[in-house]
Amino acid sequence: TRLIAPFAGRVARKLVRDFQNVNAKEPVLILQDASSLEIVVSVPERDLTTGRPERTPEEASRILAPAVSVTSIPDRSFPATIKEFATTADPVTRTFQVTFAFANPADVNILPGMTAKVTINRPGADRGEVGFSIPAAATLADESGQATVWVVDPDSMTVRRTEVELGEMSGAEVEVRSGLSRGDLIAISGVHQLREGMPVRRLEP
């Protein structure tokens, strides 16, 4: 039997044993092309409300100049491009998936599945400020496009809407540069159903 792959790559994992009988269309191995890598990031809706709606991935890549840094190589970053972005939000998190692509450098060993983060240039943002991270699903935009979160009063367990300034995305988290203080309690689920002063309860893990 001869197997023909749709692209050149290397075998990442065998799914069957040698000489095992397989059925038609049954997967037998995982093939990877590591020459170009991709990273998928969930972006809050607020970060997609600026700019022209017809902006292409090529235009967005030129303006935002994305770069990928791998957790295991903290002193290096690699230029990336936006390959594609979703125009429909996730119904639960209200975030949009954006796929970034970057070339696998020859001098370091970056493998699929490693953790990484994407940084972009945000016009007008002060890159010198140091913030902290919260789940991207906790953010939402008001009518003017301003990023907000629901802050929970620990005494009354009611919520109030608070404006925040967002920074870099890292996986499913986003940096908050201003608007929150360390120790603040925020809502991270059901944020689009909440209203000012609505009572909430804390779910313990």
N, C-alpha and C. Protein backbone atom coordinates (compact mmCIF):
# COMPACT_ATOMS: atom_id res chain seq x y z
N THR A 1 0.84 -1.19 0.00
CA THR A 1 0.00 0.00 0.00
C THR A 1 0.88 1.24 0.00
N ARG A 2 0.52 2.22 -0.80
CA ARG A 2 1.28 3.46 -0.90
C ARG A 2 0.43 4.61 -0.41
N LEU A 3 0.96 5.36 0.54
CA LEU A 3 0.27 6.54 1.06
C LEU A 3 0.88 7.79 0.46
N ILE A 4 0.05 8.69 -0.03
CA ILE A 4 0.52 9.94 -0.64
C ILE A 4 0.01 11.11 0.21
N ALA A 5 0.94 11.91 0.70
CA ALA A 5 0.59 13.06 1.55
C ALA A 5 0.29 14.28 0.68
N PRO A 6 -0.62 15.15 1.14
CA PRO A 6 -0.95 16.35 0.37
C PRO A 6 0.11 17.43 0.44
N PHE A 7 1.09 17.28 1.35
CA PHE A 7 2.17 18.26 1.46
C PHE A 7 3.39 17.58 2.06
N ALA A 8 4.55 18.21 1.89
CA ALA A 8 5.79 17.67 2.44
C ALA A 8 5.87 18.01 3.92
N GLY A 9 6.28 17.05 4.74
CA GLY A 9 6.37 17.30 6.17
C GLY A 9 7.03 16.13 6.87
N ARG A 10 6.82 16.05 8.17
CA ARG A 10 7.38 14.95 8.93
C ARG A 10 6.28 14.31 9.78
N VAL A 11 6.47 13.04 10.06
CA VAL A 11 5.47 12.31 10.83
C VAL A 11 5.60 12.70 12.30
N ALA A 12 4.53 13.26 12.85
CA ALA A 12 4.54 13.66 14.26
C ALA A 12 4.09 12.53 15.17
N ARG A 13 3.19 11.68 14.64
CA ARG A 13 2.66 10.60 15.47
C ARG A 13 2.02 9.53 14.61
N LYS A 14 2.31 8.26 14.92
CA LYS A 14 1.64 7.14 14.26
C LYS A 14 0.41 6.76 15.07
N LEU A 15 -0.71 6.56 14.38
CA LEU A 15 -1.96 6.24 15.05
C LEU A 15 -2.32 4.76 15.00
N VAL A 16 -1.55 3.99 14.25
CA VAL A 16 -1.81 2.54 14.15
C VAL A 16 -0.49 1.80 14.29
N ARG A 17 -0.58 0.51 14.56
CA ARG A 17 0.60 -0.35 14.68
C ARG A 17 1.00 -0.89 13.30
N ASP A 18 2.24 -1.31 13.20
CA ASP A 18 2.70 -1.93 11.95
C ASP A 18 1.85 -3.17 11.64
N PHE A 19 1.49 -3.31 10.37
CA PHE A 19 0.72 -4.46 9.85
C PHE A 19 -0.71 -4.52 10.38
N GLN A 20 -1.17 -3.46 11.03
CA GLN A 20 -2.55 -3.44 11.52
C GLN A 20 -3.51 -3.20 10.37
N ASN A 21 -4.64 -3.88 10.35
CA ASN A 21 -5.67 -3.64 9.34
C ASN A 21 -6.41 -2.34 9.66
N VAL A 22 -6.63 -1.55 8.63
CA VAL A 22 -7.33 -0.28 8.82
C VAL A 22 -8.47 -0.18 7.83
N ASN A 23 -9.44 0.66 8.16
CA ASN A 23 -10.59 0.88 7.30
C ASN A 23 -10.35 2.06 6.38
N ALA A 24 -11.16 2.16 5.35
CA ALA A 24 -11.07 3.31 4.44
C ALA A 24 -11.32 4.61 5.20
N LYS A 25 -10.51 5.60 4.93
CA LYS A 25 -10.58 6.93 5.51
C LYS A 25 -10.21 6.97 6.99
N GLU A 26 -9.67 5.87 7.51
CA GLU A 26 -9.23 5.86 8.91
C GLU A 26 -7.87 6.55 9.02
N PRO A 27 -7.71 7.52 9.93
CA PRO A 27 -6.40 8.18 10.08
C PRO A 27 -5.33 7.19 10.54
N VAL A 28 -4.15 7.26 9.94
CA VAL A 28 -3.07 6.35 10.31
C VAL A 28 -1.87 7.08 10.89
N LEU A 29 -1.76 8.38 10.64
CA LEU A 29 -0.66 9.15 11.21
C LEU A 29 -0.99 10.63 11.17
N ILE A 30 -0.24 11.40 11.95
CA ILE A 30 -0.35 12.86 11.95
C ILE A 30 0.90 13.42 11.27
N LEU A 31 0.70 14.18 10.20
CA LEU A 31 1.79 14.76 9.43
C LEU A 31 1.83 16.26 9.69
N GLN A 32 3.01 16.78 9.97
CA GLN A 32 3.16 18.20 10.26
C GLN A 32 4.16 18.84 9.31
N ASP A 33 3.82 20.05 8.87
CA ASP A 33 4.75 20.88 8.12
C ASP A 33 5.19 22.00 9.05
N ALA A 34 6.37 21.85 9.64
CA ALA A 34 6.84 22.80 10.65
C ALA A 34 7.60 23.98 10.06
N SER A 35 7.63 24.11 8.74
CA SER A 35 8.34 25.24 8.15
C SER A 35 7.60 26.55 8.41
N SER A 36 6.30 26.47 8.53
CA SER A 36 5.48 27.64 8.87
C SER A 36 4.52 27.25 9.99
N LEU A 37 4.51 28.04 11.05
CA LEU A 37 3.69 27.72 12.21
C LEU A 37 2.56 28.72 12.35
N GLU A 38 1.50 28.31 13.02
CA GLU A 38 0.34 29.17 13.24
C GLU A 38 -0.01 29.20 14.71
N ILE A 39 -0.55 30.32 15.16
CA ILE A 39 -1.05 30.46 16.52
C ILE A 39 -2.42 31.13 16.45
N VAL A 40 -3.39 30.54 17.15
CA VAL A 40 -4.76 31.04 17.14
C VAL A 40 -5.03 31.76 18.46
N VAL A 41 -5.49 33.01 18.37
CA VAL A 41 -5.73 33.84 19.54
C VAL A 41 -7.19 34.29 19.56
N SER A 42 -7.79 34.28 20.75
CA SER A 42 -9.15 34.80 20.91
C SER A 42 -9.06 36.28 21.25
N VAL A 43 -9.60 37.12 20.39
CA VAL A 43 -9.48 38.57 20.52
C VAL A 43 -10.81 39.15 21.00
N PRO A 44 -10.80 40.00 22.05
CA PRO A 44 -12.04 40.63 22.51
C PRO A 44 -12.66 41.51 21.42
N GLU A 45 -13.96 41.65 21.46
CA GLU A 45 -14.66 42.40 20.43
C GLU A 45 -14.23 43.86 20.38
N ARG A 46 -13.79 44.41 21.51
CA ARG A 46 -13.38 45.81 21.53
C ARG A 46 -12.21 46.06 20.59
N ASP A 47 -11.30 45.10 20.46
CA ASP A 47 -10.13 45.26 19.62
C ASP A 47 -10.46 45.12 18.14
N LEU A 48 -11.69 44.75 17.81
CA LEU A 48 -12.09 44.64 16.41
C LEU A 48 -13.06 45.74 16.00
N THR A 49 -13.28 46.70 16.88
CA THR A 49 -14.23 47.76 16.56
C THR A 49 -13.57 49.00 15.99
N THR A 50 -12.23 49.00 15.91
CA THR A 50 -11.52 50.13 15.33
C THR A 50 -11.08 49.79 13.93
N GLY A 51 -10.94 50.83 13.08
CA GLY A 51 -10.48 50.60 11.72
C GLY A 51 -11.62 50.29 10.77
N ARG A 52 -11.28 50.18 9.49
CA ARG A 52 -12.30 49.93 8.47
C ARG A 52 -12.73 48.48 8.49
N PRO A 53 -14.03 48.22 8.37
CA PRO A 53 -14.49 46.83 8.41
C PRO A 53 -13.99 46.00 7.24
N GLU A 54 -13.62 46.67 6.10
CA GLU A 54 -13.17 45.91 4.94
C GLU A 54 -11.68 45.65 4.97
N ARG A 55 -11.01 45.97 6.08
CA ARG A 55 -9.57 45.76 6.16
C ARG A 55 -9.23 44.30 5.95
N THR A 56 -8.24 44.05 5.09
CA THR A 56 -7.82 42.67 4.78
C THR A 56 -6.78 42.21 5.79
N PRO A 57 -6.52 40.89 5.88
CA PRO A 57 -5.45 40.41 6.75
C PRO A 57 -4.10 41.05 6.42
N GLU A 58 -3.84 41.30 5.12
CA GLU A 58 -2.57 41.91 4.73
C GLU A 58 -2.46 43.33 5.27
N GLU A 59 -3.54 44.12 5.16
CA GLU A 59 -3.54 45.48 5.68
C GLU A 59 -3.37 45.49 7.20
N ALA A 60 -4.11 44.59 7.86
CA ALA A 60 -4.03 44.53 9.32
C ALA A 60 -2.63 44.13 9.77
N SER A 61 -1.98 43.22 9.04
CA SER A 61 -0.62 42.81 9.40
C SER A 61 0.34 43.99 9.28
N ARG A 62 0.17 44.80 8.24
CA ARG A 62 1.07 45.94 8.05
C ARG A 62 0.89 46.98 9.15
N ILE A 63 -0.35 47.21 9.59
CA ILE A 63 -0.61 48.24 10.60
C ILE A 63 -0.26 47.75 12.00
N LEU A 64 -0.59 46.51 12.31
CA LEU A 64 -0.41 46.00 13.67
C LEU A 64 0.98 45.41 13.91
N ALA A 65 1.69 45.03 12.83
CA ALA A 65 3.04 44.46 12.93
C ALA A 65 3.11 43.39 14.02
N PRO A 66 2.34 42.31 13.92
CA PRO A 66 2.35 41.30 14.98
C PRO A 66 3.69 40.57 15.07
N ALA A 67 4.00 40.13 16.29
CA ALA A 67 5.21 39.34 16.53
C ALA A 67 4.87 38.25 17.53
N VAL A 68 5.49 37.10 17.36
CA VAL A 68 5.25 35.95 18.22
C VAL A 68 6.48 35.72 19.09
N SER A 69 6.26 35.50 20.37
CA SER A 69 7.34 35.10 21.27
C SER A 69 6.93 33.79 21.94
N VAL A 70 7.87 32.86 21.99
CA VAL A 70 7.64 31.54 22.55
C VAL A 70 8.10 31.54 24.00
N THR A 71 7.29 30.94 24.87
CA THR A 71 7.57 30.98 26.31
C THR A 71 8.95 30.43 26.64
N SER A 72 9.37 29.39 25.95
CA SER A 72 10.67 28.77 26.25
C SER A 72 11.85 29.54 25.66
N ILE A 73 11.57 30.58 24.84
CA ILE A 73 12.63 31.42 24.27
C ILE A 73 12.25 32.87 24.55
N PRO A 74 12.31 33.31 25.81
CA PRO A 74 11.76 34.62 26.17
C PRO A 74 12.51 35.82 25.59
N ASP A 75 13.75 35.63 25.16
CA ASP A 75 14.54 36.75 24.65
C ASP A 75 14.44 36.93 23.14
N ARG A 76 13.55 36.19 22.48
CA ARG A 76 13.40 36.29 21.03
C ARG A 76 11.94 36.52 20.66
N SER A 77 11.74 37.24 19.59
CA SER A 77 10.41 37.38 19.00
C SER A 77 10.54 37.23 17.49
N PHE A 78 9.46 36.77 16.87
CA PHE A 78 9.50 36.43 15.46
C PHE A 78 8.37 37.16 14.72
N PRO A 79 8.69 37.87 13.64
CA PRO A 79 7.66 38.58 12.89
C PRO A 79 6.58 37.62 12.40
N ALA A 80 5.34 38.08 12.47
CA ALA A 80 4.21 37.24 12.07
C ALA A 80 3.29 38.03 11.16
N THR A 81 2.38 37.32 10.54
CA THR A 81 1.35 37.95 9.72
C THR A 81 -0.01 37.40 10.15
N ILE A 82 -1.04 38.17 9.88
CA ILE A 82 -2.40 37.69 10.15
C ILE A 82 -2.85 36.88 8.94
N LYS A 83 -3.11 35.61 9.17
CA LYS A 83 -3.53 34.73 8.08
C LYS A 83 -5.02 34.85 7.81
N GLU A 84 -5.81 34.87 8.88
CA GLU A 84 -7.26 34.98 8.74
C GLU A 84 -7.86 35.39 10.07
N PHE A 85 -9.05 35.94 10.02
CA PHE A 85 -9.75 36.26 11.26
C PHE A 85 -11.24 36.01 11.09
N ALA A 86 -11.85 35.55 12.17
CA ALA A 86 -13.27 35.24 12.15
C ALA A 86 -14.09 36.53 12.19
N THR A 87 -15.21 36.54 11.53
CA THR A 87 -16.11 37.69 11.57
C THR A 87 -17.36 37.39 12.39
N THR A 88 -17.38 36.20 13.01
CA THR A 88 -18.48 35.83 13.91
C THR A 88 -17.89 35.50 15.27
N ALA A 89 -18.49 36.07 16.31
CA ALA A 89 -17.96 35.88 17.66
C ALA A 89 -18.33 34.51 18.21
N ASP A 90 -17.49 34.03 19.11
CA ASP A 90 -17.83 32.84 19.87
C ASP A 90 -19.06 33.15 20.71
N PRO A 91 -20.11 32.34 20.66
CA PRO A 91 -21.35 32.68 21.36
C PRO A 91 -21.22 32.70 22.88
N VAL A 92 -20.19 32.06 23.42
CA VAL A 92 -20.01 32.01 24.88
C VAL A 92 -19.08 33.12 25.35
N THR A 93 -17.89 33.21 24.74
CA THR A 93 -16.88 34.18 25.21
C THR A 93 -17.01 35.53 24.55
N ARG A 94 -17.76 35.63 23.43
CA ARG A 94 -17.90 36.86 22.66
C ARG A 94 -16.54 37.38 22.18
N THR A 95 -15.64 36.47 21.86
CA THR A 95 -14.34 36.82 21.29
C THR A 95 -14.26 36.28 19.87
N PHE A 96 -13.32 36.81 19.11
CA PHE A 96 -13.14 36.44 17.72
C PHE A 96 -11.80 35.75 17.54
N GLN A 97 -11.78 34.64 16.82
CA GLN A 97 -10.53 33.93 16.59
C GLN A 97 -9.73 34.58 15.47
N VAL A 98 -8.46 34.84 15.75
CA VAL A 98 -7.54 35.39 14.77
C VAL A 98 -6.37 34.42 14.65
N THR A 99 -6.02 34.04 13.42
CA THR A 99 -4.92 33.12 13.18
C THR A 99 -3.70 33.89 12.68
N PHE A 100 -2.59 33.77 13.41
CA PHE A 100 -1.32 34.39 13.03
C PHE A 100 -0.38 33.31 12.51
N ALA A 101 0.41 33.63 11.50
CA ALA A 101 1.38 32.69 10.94
C ALA A 101 2.77 33.30 11.01
N PHE A 102 3.77 32.45 11.25
CA PHE A 102 5.16 32.92 11.25
C PHE A 102 6.07 31.79 10.80
N ALA A 103 7.19 32.16 10.21
CA ALA A 103 8.15 31.18 9.71
C ALA A 103 8.92 30.58 10.87
N ASN A 104 9.16 29.28 10.81
CA ASN A 104 9.92 28.59 11.84
C ASN A 104 11.41 28.89 11.62
N PRO A 105 12.07 29.58 12.56
CA PRO A 105 13.47 29.94 12.35
C PRO A 105 14.37 28.70 12.33
N ALA A 106 15.48 28.82 11.60
CA ALA A 106 16.36 27.67 11.44
C ALA A 106 17.29 27.47 12.63
N ASP A 107 17.49 28.53 13.44
CA ASP A 107 18.49 28.43 14.51
C ASP A 107 17.92 28.00 15.85
N VAL A 108 16.60 27.85 15.96
CA VAL A 108 15.98 27.36 17.20
C VAL A 108 14.95 26.31 16.85
N ASN A 109 14.63 25.48 17.82
CA ASN A 109 13.69 24.38 17.59
C ASN A 109 12.34 24.72 18.19
N ILE A 110 11.41 25.19 17.36
CA ILE A 110 10.05 25.50 17.79
C ILE A 110 9.13 24.42 17.24
N LEU A 111 8.39 23.77 18.13
CA LEU A 111 7.54 22.65 17.73
C LEU A 111 6.07 23.01 17.90
N PRO A 112 5.19 22.45 17.08
CA PRO A 112 3.74 22.65 17.26
C PRO A 112 3.30 22.23 18.65
N GLY A 113 2.46 23.04 19.28
CA GLY A 113 1.97 22.73 20.62
C GLY A 113 2.68 23.50 21.71
N MET A 114 3.81 24.16 21.40
CA MET A 114 4.48 24.98 22.41
C MET A 114 3.64 26.22 22.71
N THR A 115 3.77 26.74 23.93
CA THR A 115 3.02 27.93 24.32
C THR A 115 3.72 29.18 23.81
N ALA A 116 2.93 30.14 23.39
CA ALA A 116 3.47 31.37 22.83
C ALA A 116 2.47 32.50 23.04
N LYS A 117 2.91 33.73 22.80
CA LYS A 117 2.02 34.87 22.86
C LYS A 117 2.28 35.77 21.67
N VAL A 118 1.28 36.58 21.34
CA VAL A 118 1.36 37.50 20.21
C VAL A 118 1.30 38.92 20.73
N THR A 119 2.20 39.77 20.25
CA THR A 119 2.16 41.20 20.57
C THR A 119 1.88 41.97 19.28
N ILE A 120 1.16 43.07 19.41
CA ILE A 120 0.85 43.91 18.26
C ILE A 120 1.09 45.36 18.62
N ASN A 121 1.24 46.20 17.60
CA ASN A 121 1.30 47.64 17.80
C ASN A 121 -0.12 48.17 17.86
N ARG A 122 -0.45 48.85 18.96
CA ARG A 122 -1.77 49.46 19.09
C ARG A 122 -1.59 50.96 19.06
N PRO A 123 -2.04 51.63 18.00
CA PRO A 123 -1.86 53.08 17.88
C PRO A 123 -2.41 53.81 19.11
N GLY A 124 -1.57 54.68 19.67
CA GLY A 124 -1.99 55.50 20.81
C GLY A 124 -1.79 54.85 22.15
N ALA A 125 -1.41 53.56 22.17
CA ALA A 125 -1.22 52.89 23.46
C ALA A 125 0.15 53.20 24.02
N ASP A 126 0.22 53.40 25.31
CA ASP A 126 1.48 53.64 25.98
C ASP A 126 2.11 52.30 26.30
N ARG A 127 3.14 51.92 25.54
CA ARG A 127 3.74 50.62 25.72
C ARG A 127 4.62 50.55 26.96
N GLY A 128 4.85 51.69 27.62
CA GLY A 128 5.71 51.68 28.78
C GLY A 128 4.99 51.27 30.05
N GLU A 129 3.69 51.24 30.05
CA GLU A 129 2.95 50.91 31.26
C GLU A 129 2.96 49.40 31.50
N VAL A 130 2.95 49.02 32.74
CA VAL A 130 2.94 47.62 33.11
C VAL A 130 1.58 47.27 33.69
N GLY A 131 0.92 46.26 33.16
CA GLY A 131 -0.40 45.89 33.65
C GLY A 131 -0.40 44.47 34.16
N PHE A 132 -1.58 43.88 34.19
CA PHE A 132 -1.73 42.48 34.60
C PHE A 132 -2.81 41.86 33.73
N SER A 133 -2.91 40.55 33.76
CA SER A 133 -3.77 39.84 32.82
C SER A 133 -5.08 39.39 33.45
N ILE A 134 -6.13 39.41 32.64
CA ILE A 134 -7.43 38.87 33.02
C ILE A 134 -7.94 38.05 31.84
N PRO A 135 -8.92 37.17 32.04
CA PRO A 135 -9.48 36.42 30.91
C PRO A 135 -10.08 37.36 29.87
N ALA A 136 -9.77 37.13 28.60
CA ALA A 136 -10.32 37.98 27.54
C ALA A 136 -11.84 37.93 27.52
N ALA A 137 -12.42 36.81 27.94
CA ALA A 137 -13.87 36.67 27.94
C ALA A 137 -14.55 37.59 28.94
N ALA A 138 -13.77 38.19 29.87
CA ALA A 138 -14.35 39.10 30.86
C ALA A 138 -14.56 40.49 30.31
N THR A 139 -14.02 40.80 29.14
CA THR A 139 -14.11 42.15 28.59
C THR A 139 -15.26 42.25 27.59
N LEU A 140 -15.79 43.44 27.48
CA LEU A 140 -16.82 43.73 26.48
C LEU A 140 -16.74 45.20 26.14
N ALA A 141 -17.34 45.58 25.03
CA ALA A 141 -17.28 46.97 24.57
C ALA A 141 -18.63 47.64 24.78
N ASP A 142 -18.58 48.95 25.16
CA ASP A 142 -19.82 49.70 25.27
C ASP A 142 -20.21 50.26 23.91
N GLU A 143 -21.22 51.13 23.89
CA GLU A 143 -21.74 51.63 22.62
C GLU A 143 -20.71 52.41 21.82
N SER A 144 -19.74 53.02 22.50
CA SER A 144 -18.72 53.80 21.81
C SER A 144 -17.48 52.99 21.46
N GLY A 145 -17.47 51.71 21.83
CA GLY A 145 -16.31 50.87 21.56
C GLY A 145 -15.30 50.83 22.69
N GLN A 146 -15.60 51.50 23.81
CA GLN A 146 -14.70 51.50 24.96
C GLN A 146 -14.73 50.15 25.66
N ALA A 147 -13.54 49.61 25.96
CA ALA A 147 -13.46 48.33 26.66
C ALA A 147 -13.90 48.50 28.11
N THR A 148 -14.69 47.55 28.60
CA THR A 148 -15.19 47.59 29.97
C THR A 148 -15.16 46.20 30.57
N VAL A 149 -15.25 46.14 31.89
CA VAL A 149 -15.44 44.89 32.62
C VAL A 149 -16.46 45.13 33.71
N TRP A 150 -17.02 44.05 34.22
CA TRP A 150 -17.94 44.14 35.35
C TRP A 150 -17.16 43.89 36.63
N VAL A 151 -17.05 44.90 37.48
CA VAL A 151 -16.38 44.77 38.76
C VAL A 151 -17.43 44.42 39.82
N VAL A 152 -17.11 43.42 40.65
CA VAL A 152 -18.04 42.94 41.66
C VAL A 152 -17.71 43.55 43.01
N ASP A 153 -18.71 44.18 43.64
CA ASP A 153 -18.57 44.68 45.01
C ASP A 153 -18.59 43.49 45.96
N PRO A 154 -17.49 43.23 46.68
CA PRO A 154 -17.46 42.02 47.52
C PRO A 154 -18.44 42.05 48.69
N ASP A 155 -18.92 43.24 49.10
CA ASP A 155 -19.86 43.33 50.21
C ASP A 155 -21.29 43.05 49.77
N SER A 156 -21.71 43.73 48.69
CA SER A 156 -23.09 43.55 48.21
C SER A 156 -23.21 42.49 47.13
N MET A 157 -22.07 42.05 46.58
CA MET A 157 -22.05 41.09 45.48
C MET A 157 -22.91 41.55 44.31
N THR A 158 -22.80 42.85 44.01
CA THR A 158 -23.45 43.41 42.83
C THR A 158 -22.36 43.94 41.90
N VAL A 159 -22.73 44.13 40.63
CA VAL A 159 -21.72 44.51 39.63
C VAL A 159 -21.88 45.97 39.22
N ARG A 160 -20.75 46.57 38.85
CA ARG A 160 -20.76 47.90 38.24
C ARG A 160 -19.83 47.87 37.03
N ARG A 161 -20.23 48.55 35.99
CA ARG A 161 -19.44 48.54 34.75
C ARG A 161 -18.29 49.53 34.87
N THR A 162 -17.08 49.09 34.53
CA THR A 162 -15.89 49.91 34.71
C THR A 162 -15.08 49.93 33.42
N GLU A 163 -14.67 51.12 32.99
CA GLU A 163 -13.85 51.25 31.79
C GLU A 163 -12.42 50.82 32.08
N VAL A 164 -11.81 50.13 31.12
CA VAL A 164 -10.42 49.69 31.26
C VAL A 164 -9.68 49.96 29.95
N GLU A 165 -8.36 50.04 30.07
CA GLU A 165 -7.51 50.12 28.88
C GLU A 165 -6.81 48.79 28.72
N LEU A 166 -6.94 48.20 27.54
CA LEU A 166 -6.37 46.88 27.30
C LEU A 166 -5.03 46.99 26.60
N GLY A 167 -4.19 45.97 26.85
CA GLY A 167 -2.88 45.91 26.23
C GLY A 167 -2.73 44.67 25.37
N GLU A 168 -1.68 43.90 25.63
CA GLU A 168 -1.34 42.76 24.80
C GLU A 168 -2.23 41.56 25.10
N MET A 169 -2.46 40.77 24.05
CA MET A 169 -3.14 39.48 24.20
C MET A 169 -2.10 38.40 24.40
N SER A 170 -2.43 37.40 25.22
CA SER A 170 -1.58 36.23 25.40
C SER A 170 -2.50 35.03 25.59
N GLY A 171 -2.68 34.27 24.52
CA GLY A 171 -3.61 33.14 24.58
C GLY A 171 -5.03 33.62 24.83
N ALA A 172 -5.64 33.11 25.89
CA ALA A 172 -7.02 33.48 26.23
C ALA A 172 -7.07 34.63 27.23
N GLU A 173 -5.94 35.30 27.48
CA GLU A 173 -5.90 36.39 28.44
C GLU A 173 -5.49 37.68 27.75
N VAL A 174 -5.86 38.79 28.36
CA VAL A 174 -5.52 40.10 27.83
C VAL A 174 -4.99 40.96 28.96
N GLU A 175 -4.03 41.80 28.64
CA GLU A 175 -3.44 42.67 29.64
C GLU A 175 -4.33 43.88 29.90
N VAL A 176 -4.47 44.25 31.15
CA VAL A 176 -5.19 45.47 31.55
C VAL A 176 -4.15 46.50 31.98
N ARG A 177 -4.11 47.63 31.29
CA ARG A 177 -3.13 48.67 31.60
C ARG A 177 -3.65 49.66 32.63
N SER A 178 -4.94 49.89 32.65
CA SER A 178 -5.50 50.82 33.63
C SER A 178 -6.99 50.53 33.80
N GLY A 179 -7.55 51.02 34.91
CA GLY A 179 -8.97 50.86 35.18
C GLY A 179 -9.29 49.86 36.27
N LEU A 180 -8.34 48.95 36.56
CA LEU A 180 -8.51 47.97 37.61
C LEU A 180 -7.33 48.03 38.57
N SER A 181 -7.57 47.56 39.78
CA SER A 181 -6.50 47.44 40.77
C SER A 181 -6.34 45.97 41.12
N ARG A 182 -5.15 45.60 41.50
CA ARG A 182 -4.92 44.22 41.89
C ARG A 182 -5.80 43.88 43.10
N GLY A 183 -6.45 42.73 43.03
CA GLY A 183 -7.37 42.33 44.07
C GLY A 183 -8.82 42.59 43.74
N ASP A 184 -9.08 43.39 42.68
CA ASP A 184 -10.46 43.62 42.27
C ASP A 184 -11.11 42.30 41.85
N LEU A 185 -12.38 42.14 42.18
CA LEU A 185 -13.15 40.97 41.80
C LEU A 185 -13.96 41.32 40.56
N ILE A 186 -13.84 40.52 39.50
CA ILE A 186 -14.56 40.80 38.26
C ILE A 186 -15.35 39.58 37.82
N ALA A 187 -16.38 39.84 37.02
CA ALA A 187 -17.17 38.76 36.42
C ALA A 187 -16.45 38.26 35.18
N ILE A 188 -16.38 36.95 35.01
CA ILE A 188 -15.68 36.39 33.85
C ILE A 188 -16.57 35.52 32.98
N SER A 189 -17.82 35.34 33.36
CA SER A 189 -18.74 34.58 32.51
C SER A 189 -20.11 35.25 32.55
N GLY A 190 -20.84 35.08 31.45
CA GLY A 190 -22.16 35.70 31.36
C GLY A 190 -22.13 37.21 31.34
N VAL A 191 -21.01 37.82 30.92
CA VAL A 191 -20.86 39.27 31.03
C VAL A 191 -21.85 40.04 30.14
N HIS A 192 -22.28 39.43 29.05
CA HIS A 192 -23.20 40.12 28.15
C HIS A 192 -24.64 40.07 28.64
N GLN A 193 -24.90 39.30 29.68
CA GLN A 193 -26.25 39.24 30.25
C GLN A 193 -26.36 40.10 31.51
N LEU A 194 -25.25 40.62 32.00
CA LEU A 194 -25.28 41.40 33.24
C LEU A 194 -25.76 42.82 32.99
N ARG A 195 -26.31 43.44 34.02
CA ARG A 195 -26.75 44.83 33.99
C ARG A 195 -26.24 45.53 35.25
N GLU A 196 -26.17 46.86 35.19
CA GLU A 196 -25.65 47.65 36.32
C GLU A 196 -26.44 47.34 37.60
N GLY A 197 -25.68 47.01 38.67
CA GLY A 197 -26.29 46.74 39.96
C GLY A 197 -26.87 45.35 40.12
N MET A 198 -26.71 44.51 39.12
CA MET A 198 -27.27 43.16 39.20
C MET A 198 -26.49 42.32 40.21
N PRO A 199 -27.19 41.56 41.05
CA PRO A 199 -26.49 40.69 42.00
C PRO A 199 -25.91 39.46 41.31
N VAL A 200 -24.78 39.01 41.79
CA VAL A 200 -24.14 37.81 41.26
C VAL A 200 -23.68 36.96 42.43
N ARG A 201 -23.31 35.73 42.13
CA ARG A 201 -22.75 34.87 43.17
C ARG A 201 -21.47 34.25 42.66
N ARG A 202 -20.60 33.98 43.60
CA ARG A 202 -19.29 33.46 43.26
C ARG A 202 -19.33 31.94 43.23
N LEU A 203 -18.82 31.36 42.14
CA LEU A 203 -18.77 29.92 42.01
C LEU A 203 -17.39 29.44 42.43
N GLU A 204 -17.35 28.61 43.42
CA GLU A 204 -16.08 28.07 43.88
C GLU A 204 -15.68 26.89 43.02
N PRO A 205 -14.38 26.76 42.67
CA PRO A 205 -13.95 25.63 41.83
C PRO A 205 -14.08 24.31 42.57
